[in-house]
Structures are given as C-alpha cells and as structure tokens.
C-alpha atoms as a PDB file:
ATOM      1  CA  ASP A   1     -31.636   5.045 -21.080  1.00  0.00           C
ATOM      2  CA  LEU A   2     -34.935   3.182 -20.690  1.00  0.00           C
ATOM      3  CA  ILE A   3     -35.259   4.285 -17.077  1.00  0.00           C
ATOM      4  CA  ASN A   4     -34.571   7.909 -18.002  1.00  0.00           C
ATOM      5  CA  CYS A   5     -37.252   7.853 -20.704  1.00  0.00           C
ATOM      6  CA  GLY A   6     -39.828   6.222 -18.434  1.00  0.00           C
ATOM      7  CA  GLY A   7     -39.771   2.854 -20.159  1.00  0.00           C
ATOM      8  CA  ASP A   8     -40.699   4.260 -23.588  1.00  0.00           C
ATOM      9  CA  LEU A   9     -39.551   1.404 -25.838  1.00  0.00           C
ATOM     10  CA  GLU A  10     -40.059   3.296 -29.095  1.00  0.00           C
ATOM     11  CA  TYR A  11     -38.031   6.264 -27.880  1.00  0.00           C
ATOM     12  CA  ALA A  12     -35.250   3.901 -26.834  1.00  0.00           C
ATOM     13  CA  LYS A  13     -35.076   2.676 -30.447  1.00  0.00           C
ATOM     14  CA  ARG A  14     -34.433   6.165 -31.796  1.00  0.00           C
ATOM     15  CA  ALA A  15     -30.771   5.386 -32.570  1.00  0.00           C
ATOM     16  CA  PRO A  16     -28.116   2.700 -32.108  1.00  0.00           C
ATOM     17  CA  ILE A  17     -26.777   2.410 -28.582  1.00  0.00           C
ATOM     18  CA  HIS A  18     -23.380   3.889 -29.475  1.00  0.00           C
ATOM     19  CA  GLU A  19     -25.168   7.096 -30.490  1.00  0.00           C
ATOM     20  CA  ARG A  20     -27.612   7.209 -27.594  1.00  0.00           C
ATOM     21  CA  ILE A  21     -24.954   6.322 -25.022  1.00  0.00           C
ATOM     22  CA  PRO A  22     -21.538   7.211 -26.463  1.00  0.00           C
ATOM     23  CA  PHE A  23     -18.193   6.189 -25.032  1.00  0.00           C
ATOM     24  CA  PHE A  24     -16.520   8.901 -22.986  1.00  0.00           C
ATOM     25  CA  GLU A  25     -13.019   8.036 -24.225  1.00  0.00           C
ATOM     26  CA  SER A  26     -13.821   7.495 -27.911  1.00  0.00           C
ATOM     27  CA  SER A  27     -17.130   7.809 -29.672  1.00  0.00           C
ATOM     28  CA  PRO A  28     -18.374   7.988 -33.269  1.00  0.00           C
ATOM     29  CA  GLY A  29     -21.606   9.469 -31.952  1.00  0.00           C
ATOM     30  CA  PRO A  30     -22.560  13.047 -31.032  1.00  0.00           C
ATOM     31  CA  ASP A  31     -20.250  15.359 -29.107  1.00  0.00           C
ATOM     32  CA  ILE A  32     -20.974  14.769 -25.442  1.00  0.00           C
ATOM     33  CA  PRO A  33     -21.207  18.500 -24.529  1.00  0.00           C
ATOM     34  CA  GLU A  34     -23.886  18.883 -27.201  1.00  0.00           C
ATOM     35  CA  MET A  35     -26.051  16.062 -25.850  1.00  0.00           C
ATOM     36  CA  GLU A  36     -29.357  16.821 -24.189  1.00  0.00           C
ATOM     37  CA  SER A  37     -29.355  16.592 -20.389  1.00  0.00           C
ATOM     38  CA  PRO A  38     -29.435  14.266 -18.536  1.00  0.00           C
ATOM     39  CA  ARG A  39     -26.516  12.850 -20.508  1.00  0.00           C
ATOM     40  CA  VAL A  40     -25.831   9.128 -20.262  1.00  0.00           C
ATOM     41  CA  ILE A  41     -22.358   8.054 -21.333  1.00  0.00           C
ATOM     42  CA  LYS A  42     -20.311   4.905 -20.880  1.00  0.00           C
ATOM     43  CA  SER A  43     -16.647   4.240 -20.295  1.00  0.00           C
ATOM     44  CA  HIS A  44     -14.055   1.537 -19.644  1.00  0.00           C
ATOM     45  CA  LEU A  45     -11.701   3.943 -17.872  1.00  0.00           C
ATOM     46  CA  PRO A  46     -10.081   2.910 -14.593  1.00  0.00           C
ATOM     47  CA  TYR A  47     -10.829   5.251 -11.713  1.00  0.00           C
ATOM     48  CA  GLN A  48      -7.468   7.026 -11.830  1.00  0.00           C
ATOM     49  CA  LEU A  49      -7.947   8.109 -15.452  1.00  0.00           C
ATOM     50  CA  VAL A  50     -11.345   9.753 -14.972  1.00  0.00           C
ATOM     51  CA  PRO A  51     -10.897  13.544 -15.366  1.00  0.00           C
ATOM     52  CA  GLN A  52     -11.132  15.504 -12.127  1.00  0.00           C
ATOM     53  CA  SER A  53     -13.772  17.748 -13.697  1.00  0.00           C
ATOM     54  CA  PHE A  54     -16.065  14.736 -13.770  1.00  0.00           C
ATOM     55  CA  TRP A  55     -16.081  14.622  -9.972  1.00  0.00           C
ATOM     56  CA  GLU A  56     -16.216  18.406  -9.655  1.00  0.00           C
ATOM     57  CA  GLN A  57     -19.480  18.300 -11.610  1.00  0.00           C
ATOM     58  CA  ASN A  58     -20.783  15.710  -9.110  1.00  0.00           C
ATOM     59  CA  CYS A  59     -21.615  13.220 -11.855  1.00  0.00           C
ATOM     60  CA  LYS A  60     -23.187   9.888 -10.953  1.00  0.00           C
ATOM     61  CA  VAL A  61     -21.440   6.651 -11.917  1.00  0.00           C
ATOM     62  CA  ILE A  62     -22.925   3.176 -12.251  1.00  0.00           C
ATOM     63  CA  TYR A  63     -20.000   0.739 -12.187  1.00  0.00           C
ATOM     64  CA  MET A  64     -20.569  -2.821 -13.366  1.00  0.00           C
ATOM     65  CA  ALA A  65     -18.035  -5.406 -12.174  1.00  0.00           C
ATOM     66  CA  ARG A  66     -17.786  -9.009 -13.319  1.00  0.00           C
ATOM     67  CA  ASN A  67     -15.804 -11.827 -11.739  1.00  0.00           C
ATOM     68  CA  ALA A  68     -12.265 -12.217 -13.030  1.00  0.00           C
ATOM     69  CA  LYS A  69     -12.581 -15.609 -14.695  1.00  0.00           C
ATOM     70  CA  ASP A  70     -15.704 -14.810 -16.683  1.00  0.00           C
ATOM     71  CA  THR A  71     -14.187 -11.454 -17.625  1.00  0.00           C
ATOM     72  CA  MET A  72     -11.045 -13.114 -18.929  1.00  0.00           C
ATOM     73  CA  VAL A  73     -12.929 -15.721 -20.975  1.00  0.00           C
ATOM     74  CA  SER A  74     -15.347 -13.148 -22.386  1.00  0.00           C
ATOM     75  CA  TYR A  75     -12.514 -10.734 -23.156  1.00  0.00           C
ATOM     76  CA  TYR A  76     -10.535 -13.475 -24.900  1.00  0.00           C
ATOM     77  CA  HIS A  77     -13.397 -14.301 -27.263  1.00  0.00           C
ATOM     78  CA  PHE A  78     -14.135 -10.607 -27.802  1.00  0.00           C
ATOM     79  CA  ASP A  79     -10.531  -9.987 -28.862  1.00  0.00           C
ATOM     80  CA  ARG A  80     -10.693 -12.956 -31.222  1.00  0.00           C
ATOM     81  CA  ILE A  81     -13.666 -11.589 -33.179  1.00  0.00           C
ATOM     82  CA  GLN A  82     -12.955  -7.834 -33.103  1.00  0.00           C
ATOM     83  CA  MET A  83     -10.503  -6.735 -35.778  1.00  0.00           C
ATOM     84  CA  TYR A  84      -9.612  -3.516 -33.941  1.00  0.00           C
ATOM     85  CA  GLN A  85      -8.462  -5.431 -30.846  1.00  0.00           C
ATOM     86  CA  PRO A  86      -4.934  -6.867 -30.495  1.00  0.00           C
ATOM     87  CA  ASP A  87      -4.524 -10.526 -31.418  1.00  0.00           C
ATOM     88  CA  PRO A  88      -5.081 -12.416 -28.143  1.00  0.00           C
ATOM     89  CA  GLY A  89      -2.822 -15.284 -29.172  1.00  0.00           C
ATOM     90  CA  SER A  90      -3.390 -18.732 -27.725  1.00  0.00           C
ATOM     91  CA  TRP A  91      -5.393 -19.282 -24.544  1.00  0.00           C
ATOM     92  CA  PRO A  92      -2.252 -19.836 -22.389  1.00  0.00           C
ATOM     93  CA  GLN A  93      -0.664 -16.716 -23.902  1.00  0.00           C
ATOM     94  CA  TYR A  94      -3.773 -14.682 -23.201  1.00  0.00           C
ATOM     95  CA  MET A  95      -3.948 -15.887 -19.629  1.00  0.00           C
ATOM     96  CA  GLU A  96      -0.413 -14.603 -19.072  1.00  0.00           C
ATOM     97  CA  LYS A  97      -1.371 -11.235 -20.589  1.00  0.00           C
ATOM     98  CA  PHE A  98      -4.501 -11.007 -18.451  1.00  0.00           C
ATOM     99  CA  LEU A  99      -2.726 -11.836 -15.203  1.00  0.00           C
ATOM    100  CA  THR A 100      -0.004  -9.272 -15.865  1.00  0.00           C
ATOM    101  CA  GLY A 101      -2.409  -6.549 -16.999  1.00  0.00           C
ATOM    102  CA  GLN A 102      -1.123  -6.503 -20.586  1.00  0.00           C
ATOM    103  CA  VAL A 103      -4.616  -6.069 -22.012  1.00  0.00           C
ATOM    104  CA  THR A 104      -6.696  -3.088 -23.046  1.00  0.00           C
ATOM    105  CA  TRP A 105      -7.612  -1.005 -19.988  1.00  0.00           C
ATOM    106  CA  GLY A 106      -4.931  -2.715 -17.905  1.00  0.00           C
ATOM    107  CA  SER A 107      -5.197  -4.970 -14.889  1.00  0.00           C
ATOM    108  CA  TRP A 108      -8.662  -6.252 -14.001  1.00  0.00           C
ATOM    109  CA  TRP A 109      -7.647  -6.244 -10.326  1.00  0.00           C
ATOM    110  CA  ASP A 110      -6.450  -2.626 -10.385  1.00  0.00           C
ATOM    111  CA  HIS A 111      -9.661  -1.640 -12.176  1.00  0.00           C
ATOM    112  CA  VAL A 112     -12.225  -3.222  -9.850  1.00  0.00           C
ATOM    113  CA  ILE A 113     -10.287  -2.382  -6.675  1.00  0.00           C
ATOM    114  CA  GLY A 114      -9.723   1.222  -7.762  1.00  0.00           C
ATOM    115  CA  TRP A 115     -13.434   1.858  -8.210  1.00  0.00           C
ATOM    116  CA  TRP A 116     -14.333  -0.099  -5.072  1.00  0.00           C
ATOM    117  CA  LYS A 117     -11.991   1.930  -2.859  1.00  0.00           C
ATOM    118  CA  ASN A 118     -13.474   5.192  -4.091  1.00  0.00           C
ATOM    119  CA  LYS A 119     -17.154   4.256  -4.264  1.00  0.00           C
ATOM    120  CA  ASP A 120     -17.986   6.091  -1.040  1.00  0.00           C
ATOM    121  CA  LYS A 121     -16.112   9.271  -1.983  1.00  0.00           C
ATOM    122  CA  HIS A 122     -18.400  10.063  -4.901  1.00  0.00           C
ATOM    123  CA  ARG A 123     -21.854   9.189  -6.186  1.00  0.00           C
ATOM    124  CA  ILE A 124     -20.936   5.700  -7.367  1.00  0.00           C
ATOM    125  CA  LEU A 125     -23.310   2.738  -7.543  1.00  0.00           C
ATOM    126  CA  TYR A 126     -21.172  -0.428  -7.604  1.00  0.00           C
ATOM    127  CA  LEU A 127     -23.047  -3.320  -9.211  1.00  0.00           C
ATOM    128  CA  PHE A 128     -22.134  -6.902 -10.064  1.00  0.00           C
ATOM    129  CA  PHE A 129     -22.799  -8.705 -13.337  1.00  0.00           C
ATOM    130  CA  GLU A 130     -23.635 -11.899 -11.461  1.00  0.00           C
ATOM    131  CA  ASP A 131     -26.321 -10.099  -9.430  1.00  0.00           C
ATOM    132  CA  MET A 132     -27.809  -8.738 -12.631  1.00  0.00           C
ATOM    133  CA  LYS A 133     -27.998 -12.234 -14.114  1.00  0.00           C
ATOM    134  CA  GLU A 134     -29.513 -13.636 -10.929  1.00  0.00           C
ATOM    135  CA  ASN A 135     -32.191 -10.993 -10.376  1.00  0.00           C
ATOM    136  CA  PRO A 136     -32.319  -8.301 -13.081  1.00  0.00           C
ATOM    137  CA  ARG A 137     -35.440  -6.616 -11.697  1.00  0.00           C
ATOM    138  CA  ARG A 138     -33.729  -6.023  -8.356  1.00  0.00           C
ATOM    139  CA  GLU A 139     -30.802  -4.352 -10.122  1.00  0.00           C
ATOM    140  CA  VAL A 140     -33.140  -2.198 -12.226  1.00  0.00           C
ATOM    141  CA  LEU A 141     -34.714  -0.961  -8.989  1.00  0.00           C
ATOM    142  CA  LYS A 142     -31.266  -0.127  -7.588  1.00  0.00           C
ATOM    143  CA  ILE A 143     -30.425   1.937 -10.655  1.00  0.00           C
ATOM    144  CA  MET A 144     -33.820   3.613 -10.645  1.00  0.00           C
ATOM    145  CA  ASP A 145     -33.395   4.653  -7.018  1.00  0.00           C
ATOM    146  CA  PHE A 146     -29.816   5.813  -7.628  1.00  0.00           C
ATOM    147  CA  ILE A 147     -30.764   8.205 -10.425  1.00  0.00           C
ATOM    148  CA  GLY A 148     -33.844   9.452  -8.601  1.00  0.00           C
ATOM    149  CA  MET A 149     -36.578   7.958 -10.766  1.00  0.00           C
ATOM    150  CA  ASN A 150     -39.901   6.626  -9.485  1.00  0.00           C
ATOM    151  CA  LEU A 151     -41.612   4.351 -11.981  1.00  0.00           C
ATOM    152  CA  SER A 152     -44.611   2.045 -11.667  1.00  0.00           C
ATOM    153  CA  ASN A 153     -44.236  -1.717 -11.254  1.00  0.00           C
ATOM    154  CA  GLU A 154     -45.606  -2.172 -14.763  1.00  0.00           C
ATOM    155  CA  ILE A 155     -42.894   0.037 -16.253  1.00  0.00           C
ATOM    156  CA  VAL A 156     -40.182  -1.642 -14.160  1.00  0.00           C
ATOM    157  CA  ASP A 157     -41.348  -5.020 -15.451  1.00  0.00           C
ATOM    158  CA  ARG A 158     -41.288  -3.710 -19.021  1.00  0.00           C
ATOM    159  CA  ILE A 159     -37.748  -2.375 -18.616  1.00  0.00           C
ATOM    160  CA  THR A 160     -36.597  -5.626 -17.017  1.00  0.00           C
ATOM    161  CA  GLU A 161     -38.017  -7.658 -19.885  1.00  0.00           C
ATOM    162  CA  HIS A 162     -36.710  -5.392 -22.635  1.00  0.00           C
ATOM    163  CA  THR A 163     -33.183  -5.351 -21.186  1.00  0.00           C
ATOM    164  CA  SER A 164     -33.016  -9.109 -20.704  1.00  0.00           C
ATOM    165  CA  PHE A 165     -30.246 -10.860 -22.627  1.00  0.00           C
ATOM    166  CA  ARG A 166     -32.869 -12.901 -24.458  1.00  0.00           C
ATOM    167  CA  VAL A 167     -34.528  -9.778 -25.873  1.00  0.00           C
ATOM    168  CA  MET A 168     -31.331  -7.789 -26.458  1.00  0.00           C
ATOM    169  CA  LYS A 169     -29.980 -10.644 -28.545  1.00  0.00           C
ATOM    170  CA  ASP A 170     -32.611  -9.822 -31.182  1.00  0.00           C
ATOM    171  CA  ASN A 171     -32.439  -6.026 -30.800  1.00  0.00           C
ATOM    172  CA  PRO A 172     -30.396  -4.399 -33.610  1.00  0.00           C
ATOM    173  CA  MET A 173     -30.099  -1.200 -31.554  1.00  0.00           C
ATOM    174  CA  ALA A 174     -28.320  -3.011 -28.702  1.00  0.00           C
ATOM    175  CA  ASN A 175     -24.766  -4.242 -28.367  1.00  0.00           C
ATOM    176  CA  TYR A 176     -25.282  -7.849 -27.355  1.00  0.00           C
ATOM    177  CA  THR A 177     -22.080  -9.754 -26.578  1.00  0.00           C
ATOM    178  CA  CYS A 178     -23.020 -11.577 -23.383  1.00  0.00           C
ATOM    179  CA  THR A 179     -22.399 -15.244 -22.800  1.00  0.00           C
ATOM    180  CA  ILE A 180     -22.049 -17.001 -19.483  1.00  0.00           C
ATOM    181  CA  PHE A 181     -18.904 -19.066 -19.664  1.00  0.00           C
ATOM    182  CA  ILE A 182     -18.011 -22.023 -17.475  1.00  0.00           C
ATOM    183  CA  ASP A 183     -14.335 -21.749 -16.603  1.00  0.00           C
ATOM    184  CA  ASN A 184     -13.860 -25.534 -16.672  1.00  0.00           C
ATOM    185  CA  ASN A 185     -14.334 -25.382 -20.441  1.00  0.00           C
ATOM    186  CA  HIS A 186     -11.268 -23.161 -20.765  1.00  0.00           C
ATOM    187  CA  PHE A 187      -9.018 -23.560 -17.718  1.00  0.00           C
ATOM    188  CA  THR A 188      -6.947 -26.677 -17.149  1.00  0.00           C
ATOM    189  CA  VAL A 189      -6.572 -27.851 -13.553  1.00  0.00           C
ATOM    190  CA  ALA A 190      -3.132 -26.242 -13.386  1.00  0.00           C
ATOM    191  CA  GLN A 191      -4.399 -22.982 -14.905  1.00  0.00           C
ATOM    192  CA  ASN A 192      -7.311 -22.920 -12.468  1.00  0.00           C
ATOM    193  CA  GLU A 193      -4.954 -23.308  -9.530  1.00  0.00           C
ATOM    194  CA  GLU A 194      -2.577 -20.646 -10.868  1.00  0.00           C
ATOM    195  CA  PHE A 195      -5.425 -18.217 -11.492  1.00  0.00           C
ATOM    196  CA  ASP A 196      -7.030 -18.804  -8.086  1.00  0.00           C
ATOM    197  CA  THR A 197      -3.739 -18.275  -6.250  1.00  0.00           C
ATOM    198  CA  PHE A 198      -3.006 -15.090  -8.184  1.00  0.00           C
ATOM    199  CA  HIS A 199      -6.540 -13.813  -7.619  1.00  0.00           C
ATOM    200  CA  GLN A 200      -6.421 -14.443  -3.876  1.00  0.00           C
ATOM    201  CA  ASN A 201      -3.095 -12.629  -3.567  1.00  0.00           C
ATOM    202  CA  GLN A 202      -4.344  -9.628  -5.537  1.00  0.00           C
ATOM    203  CA  MET A 203      -7.538  -9.359  -3.488  1.00  0.00           C
ATOM    204  CA  VAL A 204      -5.845  -9.367  -0.066  1.00  0.00           C
ATOM    205  CA  GLY A 205      -7.207  -6.491   1.999  1.00  0.00           C
ATOM    206  CA  THR A 206     -10.362  -6.006  -0.065  1.00  0.00           C
ATOM    207  CA  LEU A 207     -13.895  -7.117   0.683  1.00  0.00           C
ATOM    208  CA  ILE A 208     -15.400  -7.049  -2.811  1.00  0.00           C
ATOM    209  CA  PRO A 209     -18.079  -9.795  -2.801  1.00  0.00           C
ATOM    210  CA  PHE A 210     -17.386 -11.441  -6.152  1.00  0.00           C
ATOM    211  CA  ARG A 211     -19.139 -14.697  -6.988  1.00  0.00           C
ATOM    212  CA  PHE A 212     -17.816 -17.321  -9.393  1.00  0.00           C
ATOM    213  CA  VAL A 213     -20.893 -19.570  -9.275  1.00  0.00           C
ATOM    214  CA  LEU A 214     -24.550 -18.558  -9.599  1.00  0.00           C
END
C-alpha cells in the first residue's frame, strides 16, 4: 500500500489495514469489486483454491513464505489468543495437528510447495520472511520492481522504516503479530528430530531455499 501511494504516510493511515487491504476469502471491509484500482488484497488461500478468474485477469501475486518451525510456533500462539480460532490444545497436540495438516488452511508443506511449483506460470513474486527480516530494504525494492513502481531512495528508505516491525508495533492501523521464535524454547530434542525428519521427507524433490537460522 505504501509503495502504491508513493510513500505517503498520511494517506496510508486513512483506514485500518483490514479496510485498506481486505482479505479475499473473508473481509469486513469494502466489497473488492468496488475498490479503486489498483486493488491490493490479501489471502491465505493455497494455490489450488485461487479462482481461475484471478489468473485470467493476469493478477500479480506477492507470496510470503516462512520456515515451517517458526510458522508452527507463531501459529500456535496466534491460535491461543484468537477466540475465533480453534483451541490449539497442548504443544504436543498442536504439533501433531500441524504435521498432519489439521490446521486452518491445511498443510504448510502443501501450501508453500503449491505456490512454488506454479510461481513461473503466473506473475508471482515468491518472497521469504527470513529475507525480509535480514534485509527489509532489499525486499521493498523487489516488490517495487515487481509492481512497476520507480521511487526515489529517500522514499524507499521511508517505506522501509515505516514498515519495520519496530514501527508497526506502535501503529494502530497495522496488524502487528510478529515475533521471532527460537525453536529450542518450544521443541524437545525428540520433537526436533521428529519435525526435521518429517520436513525433509515432505520437501523431497523441491528446491525451496528455506532458512531456519538468520
């Protein structure tokens, strides 16, 4: 949104993020067809559930992937604090649900692999959460290039600063839920080994460059 509006911070505060960038699958905000173009929407849908009309309209997609362990830990805590999410149960119970895909939006492995396999068929920019944490300005430039915007270094720096986790934490118009978790604080040695073995088996035949350590 900030890139589209040329880094105008005041314009970006015009409404809460769920109204400015509504969810495709369920949104309390404005009707998507009524939104002013270019429309920016967000979604958790796996690739196979995206309507065909989306691709027929040649829409651009920015897909953000996060490594499996951090996703599981983050998702577990999210489900614990959100009343509309199913009760995650205990940590061992949740790990079993996560590994078997019995969580909202299904299997993490099916999700990331599905989008990865199709990223060259459509206009899809596949990004990684870990890269964004490591060098947010670089990722802003990738997005800017992908959507065809050309902004000055000053504006890029402003966008990078305003979208940092430190700033978003204090922004009432943003949805800040990010924490970097260390898996050793949650996984026992046995759970770590079980997870790693499962992950390696699921990722056979793919070359997605996930990182578990920054």
